[in-house]
Amino acid sequence: KARKAPAPAPAASQSVKAHSQRMSYKEQRALEAIRQELAELPAHIEALETEQHRLSVAMADPTFYQRGSAEIAQTASRMKELEEELAQAYQRWEEIDALEG
């Protein structure tokens, strides 16, 4: 009968695993930056949504359209910017969430 090679000791396999999971300084900083960004995203999104809501309420007021055309155009433009910024923020959140696994 042929003998099987002994399985590696658990401590040895854990040591190799721990070494392979170590990150370089640069990788650690990048991971910290991503985690910081993830922590800040909810507040950023909330601020964008609050501004969007405030502008929506203002634009829903019939007297809003009695204002100057420049102000109306600026507000409409800002609403479009907010939609784009929110879409980007949610997309980034999904990307980071996928990285965090």
PDB file of N, CA and C in Angstrom:
ATOM      1  N   LYS A   1       0.827  -1.199   0.000  1.00  0.00           N
ATOM      2  CA  LYS A   1       0.000   0.000   0.000  1.00  0.00           C
ATOM      3  C   LYS A   1       0.865   1.255   0.000  1.00  0.00           C
ATOM      4  N   ALA A   2       0.428   2.244  -0.795  1.00  0.00           N
ATOM      5  CA  ALA A   2       1.167   3.503  -0.852  1.00  0.00           C
ATOM      6  C   ALA A   2       0.690   4.406   0.270  1.00  0.00           C
ATOM      7  N   ARG A   3       1.629   5.053   0.863  1.00  0.00           N
ATOM      8  CA  ARG A   3       1.286   5.974   1.949  1.00  0.00           C
ATOM      9  C   ARG A   3       0.955   7.356   1.379  1.00  0.00           C
ATOM     10  N   LYS A   4      -0.041   8.002   1.964  1.00  0.00           N
ATOM     11  CA  LYS A   4      -0.382   9.369   1.573  1.00  0.00           C
ATOM     12  C   LYS A   4       0.539  10.332   2.311  1.00  0.00           C
ATOM     13  N   ALA A   5       0.835  11.421   1.657  1.00  0.00           N
ATOM     14  CA  ALA A   5       1.657  12.445   2.305  1.00  0.00           C
ATOM     15  C   ALA A   5       0.861  13.052   3.444  1.00  0.00           C
ATOM     16  N   PRO A   6       1.499  13.334   4.559  1.00  0.00           N
ATOM     17  CA  PRO A   6       0.766  13.915   5.688  1.00  0.00           C
ATOM     18  C   PRO A   6       0.258  15.317   5.333  1.00  0.00           C
ATOM     19  N   ALA A   7      -0.891  15.612   5.851  1.00  0.00           N
ATOM     20  CA  ALA A   7      -1.469  16.941   5.621  1.00  0.00           C
ATOM     21  C   ALA A   7      -0.636  17.966   6.365  1.00  0.00           C
ATOM     22  N   PRO A   8      -0.512  19.176   5.820  1.00  0.00           N
ATOM     23  CA  PRO A   8       0.263  20.198   6.525  1.00  0.00           C
ATOM     24  C   PRO A   8      -0.415  20.554   7.845  1.00  0.00           C
ATOM     25  N   ALA A   9       0.387  20.907   8.798  1.00  0.00           N
ATOM     26  CA  ALA A   9      -0.136  21.283  10.111  1.00  0.00           C
ATOM     27  C   ALA A   9      -0.999  22.523   9.967  1.00  0.00           C
ATOM     28  N   PRO A  10      -2.085  22.618  10.721  1.00  0.00           N
ATOM     29  CA  PRO A  10      -2.973  23.784  10.604  1.00  0.00           C
ATOM     30  C   PRO A  10      -2.256  25.104  10.818  1.00  0.00           C
ATOM     31  N   ALA A  11      -1.324  25.154  11.757  1.00  0.00           N
ATOM     32  CA  ALA A  11      -0.620  26.409  12.029  1.00  0.00           C
ATOM     33  C   ALA A  11       0.179  26.853  10.819  1.00  0.00           C
ATOM     34  N   ALA A  12       0.791  25.927  10.121  1.00  0.00           N
ATOM     35  CA  ALA A  12       1.584  26.267   8.949  1.00  0.00           C
ATOM     36  C   ALA A  12       0.702  26.803   7.832  1.00  0.00           C
ATOM     37  N   SER A  13      -0.445  26.178   7.597  1.00  0.00           N
ATOM     38  CA  SER A  13      -1.327  26.646   6.533  1.00  0.00           C
ATOM     39  C   SER A  13      -1.914  28.008   6.870  1.00  0.00           C
ATOM     40  N   GLN A  14      -2.165  28.265   8.145  1.00  0.00           N
ATOM     41  CA  GLN A  14      -2.695  29.579   8.538  1.00  0.00           C
ATOM     42  C   GLN A  14      -1.637  30.652   8.358  1.00  0.00           C
ATOM     43  N   SER A  15      -0.384  30.301   8.615  1.00  0.00           N
ATOM     44  CA  SER A  15       0.698  31.256   8.456  1.00  0.00           C
ATOM     45  C   SER A  15       0.850  31.678   6.994  1.00  0.00           C
ATOM     46  N   VAL A  16       0.780  30.702   6.095  1.00  0.00           N
ATOM     47  CA  VAL A  16       0.878  31.000   4.664  1.00  0.00           C
ATOM     48  C   VAL A  16      -0.305  31.854   4.232  1.00  0.00           C
ATOM     49  N   LYS A  17      -1.488  31.501   4.730  1.00  0.00           N
ATOM     50  CA  LYS A  17      -2.702  32.241   4.389  1.00  0.00           C
ATOM     51  C   LYS A  17      -2.599  33.684   4.873  1.00  0.00           C
ATOM     52  N   ALA A  18      -2.121  33.876   6.089  1.00  0.00           N
ATOM     53  CA  ALA A  18      -1.996  35.224   6.640  1.00  0.00           C
ATOM     54  C   ALA A  18      -0.995  36.034   5.829  1.00  0.00           C
ATOM     55  N   HIS A  19       0.100  35.408   5.422  1.00  0.00           N
ATOM     56  CA  HIS A  19       1.113  36.118   4.643  1.00  0.00           C
ATOM     57  C   HIS A  19       0.563  36.535   3.279  1.00  0.00           C
ATOM     58  N   SER A  20      -0.222  35.666   2.647  1.00  0.00           N
ATOM     59  CA  SER A  20      -0.759  35.989   1.333  1.00  0.00           C
ATOM     60  C   SER A  20      -1.837  37.066   1.408  1.00  0.00           C
ATOM     61  N   GLN A  21      -2.423  37.256   2.597  1.00  0.00           N
ATOM     62  CA  GLN A  21      -3.470  38.263   2.752  1.00  0.00           C
ATOM     63  C   GLN A  21      -2.911  39.620   3.163  1.00  0.00           C
ATOM     64  N   ARG A  22      -1.631  39.687   3.473  1.00  0.00           N
ATOM     65  CA  ARG A  22      -1.037  40.966   3.853  1.00  0.00           C
ATOM     66  C   ARG A  22      -1.048  41.906   2.656  1.00  0.00           C
ATOM     67  N   MET A  23      -1.265  43.153   2.969  1.00  0.00           N
ATOM     68  CA  MET A  23      -1.307  44.149   1.908  1.00  0.00           C
ATOM     69  C   MET A  23      -0.118  45.084   2.063  1.00  0.00           C
ATOM     70  N   SER A  24       0.294  45.629   0.962  1.00  0.00           N
ATOM     71  CA  SER A  24       1.372  46.606   1.001  1.00  0.00           C
ATOM     72  C   SER A  24       0.825  47.898   1.616  1.00  0.00           C
ATOM     73  N   TYR A  25       1.736  48.766   1.968  1.00  0.00           N
ATOM     74  CA  TYR A  25       1.345  50.051   2.541  1.00  0.00           C
ATOM     75  C   TYR A  25       0.417  50.799   1.600  1.00  0.00           C
ATOM     76  N   LYS A  26       0.771  50.776   0.324  1.00  0.00           N
ATOM     77  CA  LYS A  26      -0.018  51.469  -0.699  1.00  0.00           C
ATOM     78  C   LYS A  26      -1.428  50.875  -0.794  1.00  0.00           C
ATOM     79  N   GLU A  27      -1.518  49.558  -0.753  1.00  0.00           N
ATOM     80  CA  GLU A  27      -2.819  48.884  -0.811  1.00  0.00           C
ATOM     81  C   GLU A  27      -3.655  49.200   0.424  1.00  0.00           C
ATOM     82  N   GLN A  28      -3.002  49.243   1.585  1.00  0.00           N
ATOM     83  CA  GLN A  28      -3.719  49.584   2.823  1.00  0.00           C
ATOM     84  C   GLN A  28      -4.281  50.997   2.755  1.00  0.00           C
ATOM     85  N   ARG A  29      -3.480  51.946   2.256  1.00  0.00           N
ATOM     86  CA  ARG A  29      -3.949  53.341   2.127  1.00  0.00           C
ATOM     87  C   ARG A  29      -5.113  53.424   1.154  1.00  0.00           C
ATOM     88  N   ALA A  30      -5.032  52.679   0.046  1.00  0.00           N
ATOM     89  CA  ALA A  30      -6.109  52.688  -0.945  1.00  0.00           C
ATOM     90  C   ALA A  30      -7.389  52.112  -0.334  1.00  0.00           C
ATOM     91  N   LEU A  31      -7.256  51.039   0.418  1.00  0.00           N
ATOM     92  CA  LEU A  31      -8.412  50.433   1.069  1.00  0.00           C
ATOM     93  C   LEU A  31      -9.022  51.378   2.104  1.00  0.00           C
ATOM     94  N   GLU A  32      -8.183  52.058   2.859  1.00  0.00           N
ATOM     95  CA  GLU A  32      -8.671  53.035   3.835  1.00  0.00           C
ATOM     96  C   GLU A  32      -9.419  54.170   3.133  1.00  0.00           C
ATOM     97  N   ALA A  33      -8.898  54.626   2.005  1.00  0.00           N
ATOM     98  CA  ALA A  33      -9.552  55.699   1.254  1.00  0.00           C
ATOM     99  C   ALA A  33     -10.919  55.250   0.745  1.00  0.00           C
ATOM    100  N   ILE A  34     -10.992  54.018   0.282  1.00  0.00           N
ATOM    101  CA  ILE A  34     -12.272  53.484  -0.204  1.00  0.00           C
ATOM    102  C   ILE A  34     -13.263  53.362   0.944  1.00  0.00           C
ATOM    103  N   ARG A  35     -12.794  52.870   2.079  1.00  0.00           N
ATOM    104  CA  ARG A  35     -13.682  52.742   3.250  1.00  0.00           C
ATOM    105  C   ARG A  35     -14.153  54.107   3.735  1.00  0.00           C
ATOM    106  N   GLN A  36     -13.263  55.092   3.690  1.00  0.00           N
ATOM    107  CA  GLN A  36     -13.637  56.461   4.083  1.00  0.00           C
ATOM    108  C   GLN A  36     -14.687  57.012   3.124  1.00  0.00           C
ATOM    109  N   GLU A  37     -14.470  56.792   1.838  1.00  0.00           N
ATOM    110  CA  GLU A  37     -15.436  57.248   0.832  1.00  0.00           C
ATOM    111  C   GLU A  37     -16.790  56.583   1.061  1.00  0.00           C
ATOM    112  N   LEU A  38     -16.773  55.291   1.359  1.00  0.00           N
ATOM    113  CA  LEU A  38     -18.016  54.562   1.619  1.00  0.00           C
ATOM    114  C   LEU A  38     -18.726  55.117   2.850  1.00  0.00           C
ATOM    115  N   ALA A  39     -17.961  55.483   3.859  1.00  0.00           N
ATOM    116  CA  ALA A  39     -18.545  56.039   5.079  1.00  0.00           C
ATOM    117  C   ALA A  39     -19.172  57.410   4.830  1.00  0.00           C
ATOM    118  N   GLU A  40     -18.605  58.172   3.903  1.00  0.00           N
ATOM    119  CA  GLU A  40     -19.086  59.527   3.630  1.00  0.00           C
ATOM    120  C   GLU A  40     -20.216  59.572   2.609  1.00  0.00           C
ATOM    121  N   LEU A  41     -20.359  58.542   1.807  1.00  0.00           N
ATOM    122  CA  LEU A  41     -21.359  58.554   0.728  1.00  0.00           C
ATOM    123  C   LEU A  41     -22.794  58.751   1.218  1.00  0.00           C
ATOM    124  N   PRO A  42     -23.249  58.074   2.263  1.00  0.00           N
ATOM    125  CA  PRO A  42     -24.646  58.295   2.682  1.00  0.00           C
ATOM    126  C   PRO A  42     -24.960  59.755   3.015  1.00  0.00           C
ATOM    127  N   ALA A  43     -24.066  60.423   3.709  1.00  0.00           N
ATOM    128  CA  ALA A  43     -24.293  61.832   4.042  1.00  0.00           C
ATOM    129  C   ALA A  43     -24.272  62.701   2.786  1.00  0.00           C
ATOM    130  N   HIS A  44     -23.381  62.395   1.874  1.00  0.00           N
ATOM    131  CA  HIS A  44     -23.306  63.148   0.618  1.00  0.00           C
ATOM    132  C   HIS A  44     -24.594  62.969  -0.186  1.00  0.00           C
ATOM    133  N   ILE A  45     -25.058  61.728  -0.284  1.00  0.00           N
ATOM    134  CA  ILE A  45     -26.301  61.444  -1.014  1.00  0.00           C
ATOM    135  C   ILE A  45     -27.478  62.136  -0.340  1.00  0.00           C
ATOM    136  N   GLU A  46     -27.508  62.107   0.974  1.00  0.00           N
ATOM    137  CA  GLU A  46     -28.598  62.759   1.691  1.00  0.00           C
ATOM    138  C   GLU A  46     -28.611  64.266   1.427  1.00  0.00           C
ATOM    139  N   ALA A  47     -27.438  64.873   1.394  1.00  0.00           N
ATOM    140  CA  ALA A  47     -27.353  66.313   1.115  1.00  0.00           C
ATOM    141  C   ALA A  47     -27.848  66.624  -0.297  1.00  0.00           C
ATOM    142  N   LEU A  48     -27.453  65.795  -1.260  1.00  0.00           N
ATOM    143  CA  LEU A  48     -27.925  65.991  -2.634  1.00  0.00           C
ATOM    144  C   LEU A  48     -29.434  65.829  -2.731  1.00  0.00           C
ATOM    145  N   GLU A  49     -29.967  64.800  -2.072  1.00  0.00           N
ATOM    146  CA  GLU A  49     -31.407  64.567  -2.109  1.00  0.00           C
ATOM    147  C   GLU A  49     -32.177  65.684  -1.404  1.00  0.00           C
ATOM    148  N   THR A  50     -31.615  66.223  -0.342  1.00  0.00           N
ATOM    149  CA  THR A  50     -32.258  67.336   0.371  1.00  0.00           C
ATOM    150  C   THR A  50     -32.324  68.570  -0.523  1.00  0.00           C
ATOM    151  N   GLU A  51     -31.221  68.857  -1.193  1.00  0.00           N
ATOM    152  CA  GLU A  51     -31.214  70.001  -2.109  1.00  0.00           C
ATOM    153  C   GLU A  51     -32.184  69.775  -3.261  1.00  0.00           C
ATOM    154  N   GLN A  52     -32.208  68.563  -3.784  1.00  0.00           N
ATOM    155  CA  GLN A  52     -33.119  68.222  -4.873  1.00  0.00           C
ATOM    156  C   GLN A  52     -34.577  68.408  -4.433  1.00  0.00           C
ATOM    157  N   HIS A  53     -34.889  67.955  -3.234  1.00  0.00           N
ATOM    158  CA  HIS A  53     -36.252  68.100  -2.720  1.00  0.00           C
ATOM    159  C   HIS A  53     -36.609  69.575  -2.541  1.00  0.00           C
ATOM    160  N   ARG A  54     -35.666  70.341  -1.998  1.00  0.00           N
ATOM    161  CA  ARG A  54     -35.913  71.774  -1.777  1.00  0.00           C
ATOM    162  C   ARG A  54     -36.201  72.481  -3.105  1.00  0.00           C
ATOM    163  N   LEU A  55     -35.409  72.150  -4.126  1.00  0.00           N
ATOM    164  CA  LEU A  55     -35.628  72.768  -5.435  1.00  0.00           C
ATOM    165  C   LEU A  55     -36.938  72.288  -6.072  1.00  0.00           C
ATOM    166  N   SER A  56     -37.283  71.036  -5.872  1.00  0.00           N
ATOM    167  CA  SER A  56     -38.552  70.506  -6.408  1.00  0.00           C
ATOM    168  C   SER A  56     -39.741  71.224  -5.804  1.00  0.00           C
ATOM    169  N   VAL A  57     -39.662  71.429  -4.498  1.00  0.00           N
ATOM    170  CA  VAL A  57     -40.753  72.141  -3.816  1.00  0.00           C
ATOM    171  C   VAL A  57     -40.846  73.567  -4.346  1.00  0.00           C
ATOM    172  N   ALA A  58     -39.702  74.212  -4.505  1.00  0.00           N
ATOM    173  CA  ALA A  58     -39.695  75.588  -5.020  1.00  0.00           C
ATOM    174  C   ALA A  58     -40.264  75.635  -6.434  1.00  0.00           C
ATOM    175  N   MET A  59     -39.888  74.672  -7.269  1.00  0.00           N
ATOM    176  CA  MET A  59     -40.353  74.661  -8.659  1.00  0.00           C
ATOM    177  C   MET A  59     -41.833  74.284  -8.763  1.00  0.00           C
ATOM    178  N   ALA A  60     -42.347  73.614  -7.757  1.00  0.00           N
ATOM    179  CA  ALA A  60     -43.766  73.237  -7.764  1.00  0.00           C
ATOM    180  C   ALA A  60     -44.662  74.418  -7.388  1.00  0.00           C
ATOM    181  N   ASP A  61     -44.087  75.421  -6.791  1.00  0.00           N
ATOM    182  CA  ASP A  61     -44.851  76.611  -6.404  1.00  0.00           C
ATOM    183  C   ASP A  61     -45.155  77.424  -7.660  1.00  0.00           C
ATOM    184  N   PRO A  62     -46.424  77.720  -7.906  1.00  0.00           N
ATOM    185  CA  PRO A  62     -46.796  78.473  -9.122  1.00  0.00           C
ATOM    186  C   PRO A  62     -46.089  79.825  -9.241  1.00  0.00           C
ATOM    187  N   THR A  63     -45.743  80.430  -8.119  1.00  0.00           N
ATOM    188  CA  THR A  63     -45.076  81.738  -8.185  1.00  0.00           C
ATOM    189  C   THR A  63     -43.620  81.622  -8.638  1.00  0.00           C
ATOM    190  N   PHE A  64     -43.086  80.424  -8.606  1.00  0.00           N
ATOM    191  CA  PHE A  64     -41.702  80.219  -9.043  1.00  0.00           C
ATOM    192  C   PHE A  64     -41.526  80.685 -10.488  1.00  0.00           C
ATOM    193  N   TYR A  65     -42.510  80.401 -11.317  1.00  0.00           N
ATOM    194  CA  TYR A  65     -42.394  80.721 -12.740  1.00  0.00           C
ATOM    195  C   TYR A  65     -42.688  82.191 -13.044  1.00  0.00           C
ATOM    196  N   GLN A  66     -42.947  82.956 -12.015  1.00  0.00           N
ATOM    197  CA  GLN A  66     -43.095  84.401 -12.183  1.00  0.00           C
ATOM    198  C   GLN A  66     -41.759  85.106 -11.983  1.00  0.00           C
ATOM    199  N   ARG A  67     -40.771  84.344 -11.597  1.00  0.00           N
ATOM    200  CA  ARG A  67     -39.428  84.892 -11.400  1.00  0.00           C
ATOM    201  C   ARG A  67     -38.765  85.106 -12.756  1.00  0.00           C
ATOM    202  N   GLY A  68     -37.587  85.645 -12.716  1.00  0.00           N
ATOM    203  CA  GLY A  68     -36.838  85.897 -13.950  1.00  0.00           C
ATOM    204  C   GLY A  68     -36.456  84.600 -14.651  1.00  0.00           C
ATOM    205  N   SER A  69     -36.353  84.658 -15.958  1.00  0.00           N
ATOM    206  CA  SER A  69     -36.032  83.454 -16.733  1.00  0.00           C
ATOM    207  C   SER A  69     -34.638  82.919 -16.413  1.00  0.00           C
ATOM    208  N   ALA A  70     -33.719  83.798 -16.066  1.00  0.00           N
ATOM    209  CA  ALA A  70     -32.363  83.353 -15.720  1.00  0.00           C
ATOM    210  C   ALA A  70     -32.392  82.497 -14.451  1.00  0.00           C
ATOM    211  N   GLU A  71     -33.150  82.908 -13.466  1.00  0.00           N
ATOM    212  CA  GLU A  71     -33.258  82.153 -12.210  1.00  0.00           C
ATOM    213  C   GLU A  71     -33.941  80.805 -12.448  1.00  0.00           C
ATOM    214  N   ILE A  72     -34.986  80.809 -13.265  1.00  0.00           N
ATOM    215  CA  ILE A  72     -35.691  79.562 -13.593  1.00  0.00           C
ATOM    216  C   ILE A  72     -34.736  78.594 -14.316  1.00  0.00           C
ATOM    217  N   ALA A  73     -34.001  79.109 -15.279  1.00  0.00           N
ATOM    218  CA  ALA A  73     -33.065  78.279 -16.034  1.00  0.00           C
ATOM    219  C   ALA A  73     -31.949  77.751 -15.137  1.00  0.00           C
ATOM    220  N   GLN A  74     -31.467  78.597 -14.232  1.00  0.00           N
ATOM    221  CA  GLN A  74     -30.403  78.180 -13.316  1.00  0.00           C
ATOM    222  C   GLN A  74     -30.899  77.075 -12.381  1.00  0.00           C
ATOM    223  N   THR A  75     -32.112  77.205 -11.891  1.00  0.00           N
ATOM    224  CA  THR A  75     -32.675  76.197 -11.001  1.00  0.00           C
ATOM    225  C   THR A  75     -32.896  74.882 -11.750  1.00  0.00           C
ATOM    226  N   ALA A  76     -33.425  74.966 -12.960  1.00  0.00           N
ATOM    227  CA  ALA A  76     -33.646  73.761 -13.764  1.00  0.00           C
ATOM    228  C   ALA A  76     -32.315  73.073 -14.082  1.00  0.00           C
ATOM    229  N   SER A  77     -31.301  73.879 -14.367  1.00  0.00           N
ATOM    230  CA  SER A  77     -29.973  73.338 -14.649  1.00  0.00           C
ATOM    231  C   SER A  77     -29.395  72.642 -13.410  1.00  0.00           C
ATOM    232  N   ARG A  78     -29.581  73.250 -12.254  1.00  0.00           N
ATOM    233  CA  ARG A  78     -29.089  72.649 -11.011  1.00  0.00           C
ATOM    234  C   ARG A  78     -29.806  71.328 -10.728  1.00  0.00           C
ATOM    235  N   MET A  79     -31.103  71.280 -11.029  1.00  0.00           N
ATOM    236  CA  MET A  79     -31.859  70.032 -10.835  1.00  0.00           C
ATOM    237  C   MET A  79     -31.260  68.918 -11.694  1.00  0.00           C
ATOM    238  N   LYS A  80     -30.914  69.249 -12.922  1.00  0.00           N
ATOM    239  CA  LYS A  80     -30.311  68.257 -13.815  1.00  0.00           C
ATOM    240  C   LYS A  80     -28.960  67.804 -13.275  1.00  0.00           C
ATOM    241  N   GLU A  81     -28.166  68.766 -12.799  1.00  0.00           N
ATOM    242  CA  GLU A  81     -26.870  68.433 -12.201  1.00  0.00           C
ATOM    243  C   GLU A  81     -27.041  67.505 -11.003  1.00  0.00           C
ATOM    244  N   LEU A  82     -28.029  67.798 -10.170  1.00  0.00           N
ATOM    245  CA  LEU A  82     -28.279  66.976  -8.982  1.00  0.00           C
ATOM    246  C   LEU A  82     -28.644  65.543  -9.370  1.00  0.00           C
ATOM    247  N   GLU A  83     -29.474  65.399 -10.397  1.00  0.00           N
ATOM    248  CA  GLU A  83     -29.832  64.057 -10.864  1.00  0.00           C
ATOM    249  C   GLU A  83     -28.590  63.284 -11.294  1.00  0.00           C
ATOM    250  N   GLU A  84     -27.700  63.955 -12.022  1.00  0.00           N
ATOM    251  CA  GLU A  84     -26.471  63.317 -12.488  1.00  0.00           C
ATOM    252  C   GLU A  84     -25.548  62.977 -11.327  1.00  0.00           C
ATOM    253  N   GLU A  85     -25.407  63.905 -10.386  1.00  0.00           N
ATOM    254  CA  GLU A  85     -24.552  63.669  -9.223  1.00  0.00           C
ATOM    255  C   GLU A  85     -25.091  62.522  -8.374  1.00  0.00           C
ATOM    256  N   LEU A  86     -26.402  62.471  -8.210  1.00  0.00           N
ATOM    257  CA  LEU A  86     -27.002  61.373  -7.442  1.00  0.00           C
ATOM    258  C   LEU A  86     -26.783  60.037  -8.134  1.00  0.00           C
ATOM    259  N   ALA A  87     -26.955  60.006  -9.433  1.00  0.00           N
ATOM    260  CA  ALA A  87     -26.742  58.761 -10.173  1.00  0.00           C
ATOM    261  C   ALA A  87     -25.293  58.306 -10.024  1.00  0.00           C
ATOM    262  N   GLN A  88     -24.350  59.243 -10.112  1.00  0.00           N
ATOM    263  CA  GLN A  88     -22.934  58.904  -9.956  1.00  0.00           C
ATOM    264  C   GLN A  88     -22.635  58.417  -8.537  1.00  0.00           C
ATOM    265  N   ALA A  89     -23.232  59.070  -7.553  1.00  0.00           N
ATOM    266  CA  ALA A  89     -22.994  58.679  -6.157  1.00  0.00           C
ATOM    267  C   ALA A  89     -23.526  57.276  -5.889  1.00  0.00           C
ATOM    268  N   TYR A  90     -24.731  56.989  -6.380  1.00  0.00           N
ATOM    269  CA  TYR A  90     -25.287  55.645  -6.186  1.00  0.00           C
ATOM    270  C   TYR A  90     -24.464  54.597  -6.937  1.00  0.00           C
ATOM    271  N   GLN A  91     -24.007  54.934  -8.123  1.00  0.00           N
ATOM    272  CA  GLN A  91     -23.183  54.001  -8.889  1.00  0.00           C
ATOM    273  C   GLN A  91     -21.873  53.731  -8.143  1.00  0.00           C
ATOM    274  N   ARG A  92     -21.262  54.782  -7.621  1.00  0.00           N
ATOM    275  CA  ARG A  92     -20.005  54.619  -6.877  1.00  0.00           C
ATOM    276  C   ARG A  92     -20.234  53.763  -5.640  1.00  0.00           C
ATOM    277  N   TRP A  93     -21.363  53.972  -4.964  1.00  0.00           N
ATOM    278  CA  TRP A  93     -21.689  53.200  -3.775  1.00  0.00           C
ATOM    279  C   TRP A  93     -21.774  51.709  -4.139  1.00  0.00           C
ATOM    280  N   GLU A  94     -22.417  51.414  -5.251  1.00  0.00           N
ATOM    281  CA  GLU A  94     -22.533  50.022  -5.707  1.00  0.00           C
ATOM    282  C   GLU A  94     -21.166  49.447  -6.027  1.00  0.00           C
ATOM    283  N   GLU A  95     -20.302  50.247  -6.677  1.00  0.00           N
ATOM    284  CA  GLU A  95     -18.951  49.785  -7.021  1.00  0.00           C
ATOM    285  C   GLU A  95     -18.163  49.451  -5.755  1.00  0.00           C
ATOM    286  N   ILE A  96     -18.210  50.348  -4.790  1.00  0.00           N
ATOM    287  CA  ILE A  96     -17.460  50.127  -3.541  1.00  0.00           C
ATOM    288  C   ILE A  96     -18.046  48.935  -2.791  1.00  0.00           C
ATOM    289  N   ASP A  97     -19.356  48.851  -2.765  1.00  0.00           N
ATOM    290  CA  ASP A  97     -20.014  47.737  -2.100  1.00  0.00           C
ATOM    291  C   ASP A  97     -19.578  46.408  -2.721  1.00  0.00           C
ATOM    292  N   ALA A  98     -19.450  46.384  -4.035  1.00  0.00           N
ATOM    293  CA  ALA A  98     -19.008  45.163  -4.726  1.00  0.00           C
ATOM    294  C   ALA A  98     -17.567  44.834  -4.367  1.00  0.00           C
ATOM    295  N   LEU A  99     -16.725  45.856  -4.208  1.00  0.00           N
ATOM    296  CA  LEU A  99     -15.331  45.639  -3.825  1.00  0.00           C
ATOM    297  C   LEU A  99     -15.222  45.074  -2.408  1.00  0.00           C
ATOM    298  N   GLU A 100     -16.062  45.600  -1.528  1.00  0.00           N
ATOM    299  CA  GLU A 100     -16.045  45.160  -0.143  1.00  0.00           C
ATOM    300  C   GLU A 100     -16.557  43.716  -0.043  1.00  0.00           C
ATOM    301  N   GLY A 101     -17.374  43.330  -1.025  1.00  0.00           N
ATOM    302  CA  GLY A 101     -17.869  41.961  -1.130  1.00  0.00           C
ATOM    303  C   GLY A 101     -18.747  41.612  -0.020  1.00  0.00           C
TER     304      GLY A 101
END
